[in-house]
Amino acid sequence: MTKKVLILMGSPRTNGNTNILSEQFKKGAQETKAEVEIIKLQEKEINYCLGCNECFKQKNDYCLKQTDDVNEILDKMEEANIIVFATPVYFYTMSGQLKTLIDRTVPRYMKIQNKEIYYILAAATSDKSTLERTVEEFRGYLACLPNPQEKGIIYGYNAWEIGEINNTPAVEEAYFMGKNIQQ
């Protein structure tokens, strides 16, 4: 079975370190014949959740108050076998772009089920352990989803400027993690 991989890339820098790691994961996964798509969230219109609960009141899988790109992304999240959350780490947390998308999954989070989940983190910090705070945020989200399976984490650290991630082991790790998704 061909796996569908969806990489949700939450960096505001189009060609930044998070994107470099995402592309390496994609390259490895494509070598396994997986279908891989990277969605660069900064290229999408993603409004904040209004907290109105109309989606629940109306028993609707879509936000009834907003027209943006979220429904298209939610469709792809449902269809994917594997979801990769890729983010730069700012002040020990995920990017605002990715957190805003996660908040907008409210109408359908129960349908994002049985997914294999990977994380890609890129940060300037020299202490890998500080990235665990970000991982715990993702795990909080996963605790709300039906039967997620956390499969792997790429810790890209010691990279501030665009391209500095290329001088770290994370680039090769991302490639090989993508290459091993079929296992």
N, C-alpha and C. Protein backbone atom coordinates (compact mmCIF):
# COMPACT_ATOMS: atom_id res chain seq x y z
N MET A 1 0.83 -1.18 0.00
CA MET A 1 0.00 0.00 0.00
C MET A 1 0.88 1.25 0.00
N THR A 2 0.59 2.17 -0.88
CA THR A 2 1.31 3.42 -0.94
C THR A 2 0.87 4.32 0.21
N LYS A 3 1.82 4.77 0.98
CA LYS A 3 1.49 5.65 2.10
C LYS A 3 1.41 7.09 1.61
N LYS A 4 0.47 7.82 2.19
CA LYS A 4 0.33 9.25 1.92
C LYS A 4 0.91 10.00 3.11
N VAL A 5 1.91 10.82 2.81
CA VAL A 5 2.60 11.58 3.83
C VAL A 5 2.26 13.05 3.65
N LEU A 6 1.84 13.69 4.72
CA LEU A 6 1.54 15.12 4.71
C LEU A 6 2.48 15.80 5.70
N ILE A 7 3.31 16.70 5.19
CA ILE A 7 4.22 17.47 6.02
C ILE A 7 3.63 18.87 6.18
N LEU A 8 3.29 19.22 7.41
CA LEU A 8 2.74 20.54 7.71
C LEU A 8 3.91 21.39 8.20
N MET A 9 4.43 22.23 7.31
CA MET A 9 5.63 22.99 7.57
C MET A 9 5.25 24.37 8.09
N GLY A 10 5.52 24.62 9.36
CA GLY A 10 5.04 25.81 10.03
C GLY A 10 6.02 26.95 10.12
N SER A 11 7.00 27.00 9.26
CA SER A 11 7.98 28.09 9.33
C SER A 11 7.56 29.28 8.47
N PRO A 12 7.76 30.50 8.97
CA PRO A 12 7.52 31.66 8.12
C PRO A 12 8.62 31.88 7.09
N ARG A 13 9.77 31.21 7.27
CA ARG A 13 10.86 31.34 6.30
C ARG A 13 10.72 30.23 5.27
N THR A 14 10.44 30.61 4.05
CA THR A 14 10.18 29.64 2.98
C THR A 14 11.31 28.64 2.80
N ASN A 15 12.54 29.10 2.84
CA ASN A 15 13.68 28.21 2.60
C ASN A 15 14.56 28.08 3.83
N GLY A 16 13.95 28.17 5.00
CA GLY A 16 14.70 28.11 6.24
C GLY A 16 15.07 26.70 6.66
N ASN A 17 15.57 26.59 7.86
CA ASN A 17 16.07 25.31 8.37
C ASN A 17 14.98 24.26 8.50
N THR A 18 13.78 24.67 8.91
CA THR A 18 12.67 23.72 9.01
C THR A 18 12.32 23.17 7.64
N ASN A 19 12.33 24.03 6.64
CA ASN A 19 12.05 23.59 5.27
C ASN A 19 13.12 22.64 4.77
N ILE A 20 14.38 22.91 5.07
CA ILE A 20 15.47 22.03 4.65
C ILE A 20 15.26 20.63 5.22
N LEU A 21 14.93 20.55 6.50
CA LEU A 21 14.69 19.24 7.13
C LEU A 21 13.46 18.57 6.55
N SER A 22 12.42 19.34 6.29
CA SER A 22 11.19 18.79 5.69
C SER A 22 11.48 18.21 4.31
N GLU A 23 12.26 18.91 3.52
CA GLU A 23 12.62 18.43 2.18
C GLU A 23 13.43 17.15 2.25
N GLN A 24 14.28 17.03 3.24
CA GLN A 24 15.07 15.80 3.40
C GLN A 24 14.18 14.62 3.79
N PHE A 25 13.23 14.86 4.69
CA PHE A 25 12.27 13.82 5.06
C PHE A 25 11.49 13.40 3.81
N LYS A 26 11.04 14.38 3.05
CA LYS A 26 10.29 14.11 1.82
C LYS A 26 11.10 13.28 0.85
N LYS A 27 12.35 13.66 0.66
CA LYS A 27 13.22 12.93 -0.27
C LYS A 27 13.34 11.46 0.14
N GLY A 28 13.58 11.22 1.42
CA GLY A 28 13.68 9.84 1.90
C GLY A 28 12.37 9.08 1.73
N ALA A 29 11.26 9.71 2.06
CA ALA A 29 9.95 9.05 1.95
C ALA A 29 9.60 8.75 0.50
N GLN A 30 9.94 9.65 -0.41
CA GLN A 30 9.65 9.41 -1.82
C GLN A 30 10.44 8.22 -2.36
N GLU A 31 11.59 7.97 -1.80
CA GLU A 31 12.37 6.80 -2.22
C GLU A 31 11.70 5.50 -1.84
N THR A 32 10.73 5.56 -0.92
CA THR A 32 9.96 4.36 -0.55
C THR A 32 8.69 4.27 -1.39
N LYS A 33 8.55 5.18 -2.35
CA LYS A 33 7.38 5.27 -3.24
C LYS A 33 6.15 5.85 -2.55
N ALA A 34 6.36 6.51 -1.42
CA ALA A 34 5.25 7.17 -0.75
C ALA A 34 4.86 8.42 -1.52
N GLU A 35 3.58 8.80 -1.42
CA GLU A 35 3.12 10.09 -1.94
C GLU A 35 3.38 11.10 -0.83
N VAL A 36 4.12 12.16 -1.15
CA VAL A 36 4.49 13.13 -0.12
C VAL A 36 4.10 14.54 -0.58
N GLU A 37 3.44 15.26 0.33
CA GLU A 37 3.11 16.65 0.07
C GLU A 37 3.56 17.50 1.25
N ILE A 38 4.22 18.59 0.94
CA ILE A 38 4.55 19.58 1.97
C ILE A 38 3.60 20.75 1.80
N ILE A 39 2.92 21.10 2.87
CA ILE A 39 2.10 22.31 2.89
C ILE A 39 2.86 23.34 3.70
N LYS A 40 3.23 24.42 3.04
CA LYS A 40 3.90 25.53 3.72
C LYS A 40 2.82 26.45 4.25
N LEU A 41 2.62 26.40 5.55
CA LEU A 41 1.50 27.10 6.16
C LEU A 41 1.54 28.61 5.94
N GLN A 42 2.72 29.19 5.81
CA GLN A 42 2.79 30.63 5.60
C GLN A 42 2.27 31.03 4.23
N GLU A 43 2.10 30.07 3.34
CA GLU A 43 1.53 30.35 2.01
C GLU A 43 0.02 30.18 1.99
N LYS A 44 -0.55 29.78 3.11
CA LYS A 44 -1.99 29.52 3.21
C LYS A 44 -2.67 30.58 4.07
N GLU A 45 -3.94 30.78 3.82
CA GLU A 45 -4.73 31.66 4.68
C GLU A 45 -5.34 30.79 5.77
N ILE A 46 -4.90 31.03 6.98
CA ILE A 46 -5.38 30.26 8.13
C ILE A 46 -5.75 31.26 9.22
N ASN A 47 -7.03 31.44 9.41
CA ASN A 47 -7.52 32.37 10.42
C ASN A 47 -7.56 31.69 11.78
N TYR A 48 -7.60 32.50 12.82
CA TYR A 48 -7.70 31.98 14.18
C TYR A 48 -9.08 31.36 14.41
N CYS A 49 -9.12 30.33 15.24
CA CYS A 49 -10.40 29.77 15.67
C CYS A 49 -11.14 30.84 16.45
N LEU A 50 -12.43 30.97 16.19
CA LEU A 50 -13.25 31.97 16.86
C LEU A 50 -13.84 31.46 18.18
N GLY A 51 -13.74 30.15 18.42
CA GLY A 51 -14.27 29.59 19.65
C GLY A 51 -15.78 29.67 19.76
N CYS A 52 -16.44 29.76 18.62
CA CYS A 52 -17.90 29.94 18.62
C CYS A 52 -18.65 28.62 18.80
N ASN A 53 -17.99 27.50 18.54
CA ASN A 53 -18.57 26.16 18.66
C ASN A 53 -19.72 25.89 17.69
N GLU A 54 -19.89 26.72 16.69
CA GLU A 54 -20.95 26.50 15.70
C GLU A 54 -20.75 25.16 14.97
N CYS A 55 -19.48 24.77 14.75
CA CYS A 55 -19.23 23.49 14.07
C CYS A 55 -19.82 22.33 14.88
N PHE A 56 -19.75 22.41 16.22
CA PHE A 56 -20.33 21.36 17.06
C PHE A 56 -21.85 21.48 17.14
N LYS A 57 -22.32 22.70 17.32
CA LYS A 57 -23.77 22.91 17.43
C LYS A 57 -24.50 22.44 16.18
N GLN A 58 -23.89 22.67 15.03
CA GLN A 58 -24.50 22.30 13.75
C GLN A 58 -24.06 20.90 13.30
N LYS A 59 -23.23 20.23 14.12
CA LYS A 59 -22.69 18.91 13.77
C LYS A 59 -22.08 18.94 12.37
N ASN A 60 -21.18 19.92 12.18
CA ASN A 60 -20.57 20.14 10.87
C ASN A 60 -19.07 19.89 10.96
N ASP A 61 -18.50 19.33 9.91
CA ASP A 61 -17.06 19.06 9.86
C ASP A 61 -16.25 20.26 9.41
N TYR A 62 -16.89 21.36 9.15
CA TYR A 62 -16.22 22.56 8.66
C TYR A 62 -16.60 23.75 9.52
N CYS A 63 -15.69 24.70 9.60
CA CYS A 63 -16.01 25.96 10.26
C CYS A 63 -17.07 26.67 9.43
N LEU A 64 -18.15 27.07 10.06
CA LEU A 64 -19.25 27.72 9.36
C LEU A 64 -19.10 29.24 9.32
N LYS A 65 -18.13 29.76 10.06
CA LYS A 65 -18.00 31.22 10.17
C LYS A 65 -16.86 31.79 9.33
N GLN A 66 -15.95 30.93 8.86
CA GLN A 66 -14.77 31.44 8.18
C GLN A 66 -14.56 30.73 6.84
N THR A 67 -14.07 31.49 5.90
CA THR A 67 -13.71 30.94 4.60
C THR A 67 -12.22 31.18 4.41
N ASP A 68 -11.44 30.13 4.55
CA ASP A 68 -9.99 30.21 4.35
C ASP A 68 -9.50 28.86 3.84
N ASP A 69 -8.23 28.57 3.97
CA ASP A 69 -7.67 27.34 3.42
C ASP A 69 -7.71 26.15 4.37
N VAL A 70 -8.28 26.31 5.54
CA VAL A 70 -8.23 25.25 6.55
C VAL A 70 -8.97 23.99 6.12
N ASN A 71 -10.14 24.12 5.53
CA ASN A 71 -10.89 22.91 5.16
C ASN A 71 -10.11 22.04 4.19
N GLU A 72 -9.41 22.65 3.26
CA GLU A 72 -8.57 21.89 2.32
C GLU A 72 -7.46 21.15 3.07
N ILE A 73 -6.86 21.80 4.05
CA ILE A 73 -5.80 21.17 4.83
C ILE A 73 -6.37 20.04 5.68
N LEU A 74 -7.54 20.26 6.28
CA LEU A 74 -8.17 19.21 7.08
C LEU A 74 -8.50 17.98 6.24
N ASP A 75 -8.95 18.20 5.01
CA ASP A 75 -9.20 17.07 4.10
C ASP A 75 -7.93 16.25 3.93
N LYS A 76 -6.82 16.93 3.72
CA LYS A 76 -5.54 16.24 3.50
C LYS A 76 -5.05 15.56 4.77
N MET A 77 -5.31 16.15 5.92
CA MET A 77 -4.93 15.50 7.18
C MET A 77 -5.71 14.21 7.37
N GLU A 78 -6.98 14.24 7.02
CA GLU A 78 -7.80 13.02 7.13
C GLU A 78 -7.32 11.93 6.19
N GLU A 79 -6.94 12.31 4.98
CA GLU A 79 -6.54 11.34 3.95
C GLU A 79 -5.16 10.75 4.19
N ALA A 80 -4.29 11.48 4.87
CA ALA A 80 -2.91 11.03 5.05
C ALA A 80 -2.82 9.84 6.00
N ASN A 81 -1.83 8.99 5.74
CA ASN A 81 -1.49 7.93 6.68
C ASN A 81 -0.49 8.45 7.72
N ILE A 82 0.34 9.37 7.25
CA ILE A 82 1.41 9.92 8.08
C ILE A 82 1.31 11.44 8.06
N ILE A 83 1.40 12.03 9.25
CA ILE A 83 1.44 13.49 9.36
C ILE A 83 2.74 13.87 10.05
N VAL A 84 3.44 14.81 9.42
CA VAL A 84 4.69 15.32 9.98
C VAL A 84 4.44 16.77 10.38
N PHE A 85 4.63 17.07 11.65
CA PHE A 85 4.53 18.44 12.14
C PHE A 85 5.95 19.01 12.15
N ALA A 86 6.20 19.98 11.30
CA ALA A 86 7.54 20.57 11.19
C ALA A 86 7.47 22.03 11.61
N THR A 87 8.34 22.41 12.55
CA THR A 87 8.26 23.77 13.07
C THR A 87 9.62 24.28 13.52
N PRO A 88 9.84 25.56 13.32
CA PRO A 88 10.95 26.17 14.05
C PRO A 88 10.49 26.32 15.51
N VAL A 89 11.44 26.35 16.40
CA VAL A 89 11.12 26.51 17.82
C VAL A 89 11.49 27.93 18.23
N TYR A 90 10.47 28.69 18.59
CA TYR A 90 10.65 30.06 19.07
C TYR A 90 10.25 30.10 20.54
N PHE A 91 11.13 30.54 21.39
CA PHE A 91 10.84 30.65 22.82
C PHE A 91 10.27 29.34 23.37
N TYR A 92 10.87 28.23 22.93
CA TYR A 92 10.55 26.89 23.43
C TYR A 92 9.17 26.39 23.05
N THR A 93 8.63 26.91 21.97
CA THR A 93 7.31 26.47 21.55
C THR A 93 7.22 26.41 20.03
N MET A 94 6.19 25.78 19.52
CA MET A 94 5.98 25.69 18.07
C MET A 94 5.63 27.06 17.51
N SER A 95 5.75 27.18 16.20
CA SER A 95 5.41 28.45 15.54
C SER A 95 3.93 28.76 15.69
N GLY A 96 3.61 30.03 15.62
CA GLY A 96 2.21 30.45 15.68
C GLY A 96 1.40 29.92 14.52
N GLN A 97 2.02 29.81 13.34
CA GLN A 97 1.32 29.29 12.16
C GLN A 97 0.82 27.86 12.41
N LEU A 98 1.68 27.03 12.99
CA LEU A 98 1.29 25.64 13.23
C LEU A 98 0.28 25.52 14.36
N LYS A 99 0.46 26.31 15.41
CA LYS A 99 -0.49 26.26 16.52
C LYS A 99 -1.87 26.74 16.07
N THR A 100 -1.91 27.76 15.22
CA THR A 100 -3.20 28.24 14.71
C THR A 100 -3.90 27.15 13.91
N LEU A 101 -3.16 26.42 13.08
CA LEU A 101 -3.76 25.31 12.33
C LEU A 101 -4.28 24.24 13.28
N ILE A 102 -3.49 23.87 14.26
CA ILE A 102 -3.92 22.84 15.21
C ILE A 102 -5.23 23.26 15.89
N ASP A 103 -5.32 24.52 16.30
CA ASP A 103 -6.56 25.00 16.92
C ASP A 103 -7.74 24.88 15.97
N ARG A 104 -7.50 25.07 14.69
CA ARG A 104 -8.58 25.02 13.70
C ARG A 104 -9.00 23.59 13.33
N THR A 105 -8.34 22.58 13.87
CA THR A 105 -8.78 21.21 13.61
C THR A 105 -9.99 20.83 14.44
N VAL A 106 -10.46 21.73 15.28
CA VAL A 106 -11.58 21.44 16.19
C VAL A 106 -12.75 20.73 15.50
N PRO A 107 -13.24 21.20 14.35
CA PRO A 107 -14.42 20.52 13.78
C PRO A 107 -14.18 19.05 13.41
N ARG A 108 -12.91 18.67 13.21
CA ARG A 108 -12.67 17.32 12.71
C ARG A 108 -11.57 16.55 13.44
N TYR A 109 -11.15 17.01 14.58
CA TYR A 109 -10.01 16.34 15.21
C TYR A 109 -10.28 14.86 15.51
N MET A 110 -11.54 14.50 15.73
CA MET A 110 -11.85 13.09 15.99
C MET A 110 -11.76 12.23 14.73
N LYS A 111 -11.71 12.86 13.57
CA LYS A 111 -11.56 12.13 12.31
C LYS A 111 -10.11 12.03 11.87
N ILE A 112 -9.23 12.71 12.59
CA ILE A 112 -7.79 12.60 12.32
C ILE A 112 -7.31 11.45 13.18
N GLN A 113 -7.60 10.25 12.71
CA GLN A 113 -7.39 9.07 13.53
C GLN A 113 -6.46 8.07 12.87
N ASN A 114 -5.84 7.25 13.73
CA ASN A 114 -4.95 6.17 13.28
C ASN A 114 -3.80 6.70 12.41
N LYS A 115 -3.25 7.85 12.78
CA LYS A 115 -2.17 8.45 12.00
C LYS A 115 -0.82 8.14 12.64
N GLU A 116 0.17 7.92 11.78
CA GLU A 116 1.55 7.87 12.23
C GLU A 116 2.03 9.31 12.26
N ILE A 117 2.67 9.69 13.36
CA ILE A 117 3.05 11.09 13.57
C ILE A 117 4.56 11.21 13.75
N TYR A 118 5.12 12.19 13.06
CA TYR A 118 6.53 12.54 13.19
C TYR A 118 6.61 14.03 13.50
N TYR A 119 7.70 14.42 14.16
CA TYR A 119 7.96 15.83 14.44
C TYR A 119 9.32 16.20 13.87
N ILE A 120 9.38 17.37 13.30
CA ILE A 120 10.65 17.96 12.87
C ILE A 120 10.76 19.31 13.57
N LEU A 121 11.81 19.48 14.35
CA LEU A 121 12.03 20.71 15.09
C LEU A 121 13.36 21.33 14.66
N ALA A 122 13.36 22.62 14.46
CA ALA A 122 14.59 23.34 14.13
C ALA A 122 14.72 24.52 15.09
N ALA A 123 15.91 24.66 15.69
CA ALA A 123 16.07 25.70 16.70
C ALA A 123 17.52 26.18 16.77
N ALA A 124 17.69 27.37 17.30
CA ALA A 124 19.02 27.94 17.48
C ALA A 124 19.68 27.42 18.75
N THR A 125 18.91 26.88 19.65
CA THR A 125 19.45 26.44 20.93
C THR A 125 20.58 25.41 20.76
N SER A 126 21.49 25.41 21.71
CA SER A 126 22.56 24.42 21.68
C SER A 126 22.24 23.25 22.61
N ASP A 127 21.11 23.33 23.29
CA ASP A 127 20.72 22.30 24.25
C ASP A 127 19.49 21.55 23.73
N LYS A 128 19.73 20.37 23.19
CA LYS A 128 18.65 19.56 22.62
C LYS A 128 17.50 19.33 23.60
N SER A 129 17.82 19.20 24.87
CA SER A 129 16.77 18.89 25.87
C SER A 129 15.73 20.00 25.97
N THR A 130 16.08 21.23 25.62
CA THR A 130 15.09 22.31 25.70
C THR A 130 13.99 22.16 24.65
N LEU A 131 14.22 21.34 23.64
CA LEU A 131 13.20 21.12 22.62
C LEU A 131 12.09 20.19 23.10
N GLU A 132 12.31 19.53 24.22
CA GLU A 132 11.29 18.62 24.76
C GLU A 132 10.01 19.37 25.12
N ARG A 133 10.11 20.63 25.48
CA ARG A 133 8.91 21.41 25.79
C ARG A 133 7.98 21.46 24.56
N THR A 134 8.57 21.64 23.41
CA THR A 134 7.79 21.70 22.17
C THR A 134 7.18 20.34 21.87
N VAL A 135 7.95 19.29 22.06
CA VAL A 135 7.44 17.94 21.84
C VAL A 135 6.25 17.68 22.76
N GLU A 136 6.31 18.13 23.99
CA GLU A 136 5.20 17.93 24.92
C GLU A 136 3.94 18.66 24.46
N GLU A 137 4.10 19.82 23.83
CA GLU A 137 2.92 20.51 23.27
C GLU A 137 2.25 19.64 22.21
N PHE A 138 3.05 19.06 21.33
CA PHE A 138 2.49 18.18 20.30
C PHE A 138 1.83 16.97 20.94
N ARG A 139 2.44 16.42 21.96
CA ARG A 139 1.86 15.25 22.63
C ARG A 139 0.53 15.60 23.28
N GLY A 140 0.39 16.83 23.74
CA GLY A 140 -0.90 17.27 24.28
C GLY A 140 -1.98 17.23 23.22
N TYR A 141 -1.63 17.66 22.02
CA TYR A 141 -2.58 17.60 20.91
C TYR A 141 -2.88 16.14 20.56
N LEU A 142 -1.86 15.32 20.46
CA LEU A 142 -2.06 13.92 20.10
C LEU A 142 -2.93 13.19 21.12
N ALA A 143 -2.88 13.60 22.38
CA ALA A 143 -3.70 12.97 23.41
C ALA A 143 -5.19 13.15 23.12
N CYS A 144 -5.53 14.12 22.28
CA CYS A 144 -6.93 14.37 21.93
C CYS A 144 -7.36 13.62 20.67
N LEU A 145 -6.43 13.06 19.92
CA LEU A 145 -6.74 12.38 18.66
C LEU A 145 -6.97 10.89 18.91
N PRO A 146 -7.81 10.26 18.10
CA PRO A 146 -8.02 8.82 18.23
C PRO A 146 -6.85 8.02 17.66
N ASN A 147 -6.19 7.28 18.52
CA ASN A 147 -5.17 6.30 18.16
C ASN A 147 -4.01 6.85 17.31
N PRO A 148 -3.38 7.94 17.74
CA PRO A 148 -2.19 8.38 17.02
C PRO A 148 -1.01 7.49 17.41
N GLN A 149 -0.04 7.38 16.52
CA GLN A 149 1.16 6.59 16.80
C GLN A 149 2.38 7.47 16.56
N GLU A 150 2.98 7.94 17.63
CA GLU A 150 4.19 8.75 17.51
C GLU A 150 5.31 7.85 17.02
N LYS A 151 5.93 8.24 15.91
CA LYS A 151 6.93 7.38 15.28
C LYS A 151 8.35 7.93 15.32
N GLY A 152 8.52 9.25 15.39
CA GLY A 152 9.88 9.75 15.39
C GLY A 152 9.97 11.26 15.53
N ILE A 153 11.16 11.69 15.98
CA ILE A 153 11.41 13.11 16.20
C ILE A 153 12.78 13.46 15.61
N ILE A 154 12.83 14.53 14.85
CA ILE A 154 14.09 15.09 14.38
C ILE A 154 14.36 16.33 15.23
N TYR A 155 15.47 16.31 15.93
CA TYR A 155 15.89 17.45 16.74
C TYR A 155 16.96 18.20 15.97
N GLY A 156 16.57 19.24 15.27
CA GLY A 156 17.53 20.09 14.57
C GLY A 156 17.85 21.27 15.44
N TYR A 157 19.06 21.30 15.96
CA TYR A 157 19.44 22.41 16.83
C TYR A 157 20.82 22.94 16.44
N ASN A 158 21.22 24.02 17.07
CA ASN A 158 22.45 24.75 16.70
C ASN A 158 22.34 25.35 15.31
N ALA A 159 21.17 25.83 14.96
CA ALA A 159 20.96 26.42 13.62
C ALA A 159 20.08 27.66 13.74
N TRP A 160 20.68 28.81 13.61
CA TRP A 160 19.95 30.07 13.69
C TRP A 160 19.73 30.64 12.30
N GLU A 161 20.80 30.84 11.58
CA GLU A 161 20.71 31.43 10.24
C GLU A 161 20.24 30.38 9.22
N ILE A 162 19.61 30.86 8.17
CA ILE A 162 19.15 29.96 7.10
C ILE A 162 20.33 29.15 6.58
N GLY A 163 20.15 27.85 6.54
CA GLY A 163 21.17 26.95 6.01
C GLY A 163 22.10 26.37 7.05
N GLU A 164 22.14 26.93 8.24
CA GLU A 164 23.04 26.40 9.27
C GLU A 164 22.69 24.96 9.65
N ILE A 165 21.46 24.57 9.44
CA ILE A 165 21.05 23.20 9.77
C ILE A 165 21.83 22.18 8.94
N ASN A 166 22.33 22.62 7.78
CA ASN A 166 23.12 21.72 6.93
C ASN A 166 24.40 21.27 7.59
N ASN A 167 24.83 21.96 8.63
CA ASN A 167 26.06 21.60 9.34
C ASN A 167 25.78 20.72 10.56
N THR A 168 24.59 20.16 10.63
CA THR A 168 24.22 19.34 11.79
C THR A 168 23.82 17.94 11.31
N PRO A 169 23.81 16.99 12.23
CA PRO A 169 23.37 15.63 11.88
C PRO A 169 21.89 15.52 11.53
N ALA A 170 21.10 16.54 11.85
CA ALA A 170 19.64 16.48 11.64
C ALA A 170 19.26 16.30 10.18
N VAL A 171 20.05 16.82 9.26
CA VAL A 171 19.72 16.70 7.83
C VAL A 171 19.73 15.22 7.42
N GLU A 172 20.76 14.52 7.77
CA GLU A 172 20.84 13.10 7.44
C GLU A 172 19.79 12.30 8.21
N GLU A 173 19.55 12.66 9.46
CA GLU A 173 18.53 11.98 10.25
C GLU A 173 17.15 12.15 9.63
N ALA A 174 16.84 13.34 9.14
CA ALA A 174 15.53 13.58 8.52
C ALA A 174 15.38 12.73 7.26
N TYR A 175 16.42 12.66 6.46
CA TYR A 175 16.38 11.85 5.24
C TYR A 175 16.12 10.37 5.59
N PHE A 176 16.88 9.84 6.53
CA PHE A 176 16.73 8.43 6.87
C PHE A 176 15.43 8.13 7.60
N MET A 177 14.92 9.08 8.37
CA MET A 177 13.62 8.86 8.99
C MET A 177 12.54 8.78 7.92
N GLY A 178 12.61 9.64 6.92
CA GLY A 178 11.67 9.56 5.81
C GLY A 178 11.80 8.25 5.05
N LYS A 179 13.02 7.81 4.87
CA LYS A 179 13.28 6.58 4.13
C LYS A 179 12.76 5.35 4.87
N ASN A 180 12.61 5.45 6.17
CA ASN A 180 12.20 4.30 6.98
C ASN A 180 10.73 4.30 7.36
N ILE A 181 9.91 5.10 6.70
CA ILE A 181 8.49 5.16 7.09
C ILE A 181 7.73 3.87 6.81
N GLN A 182 8.19 3.06 5.91
CA GLN A 182 7.47 1.83 5.56
C GLN A 182 7.67 0.72 6.58
N GLN A 183 8.56 0.92 7.52
CA GLN A 183 8.84 -0.14 8.50
C GLN A 183 7.83 -0.17 9.60
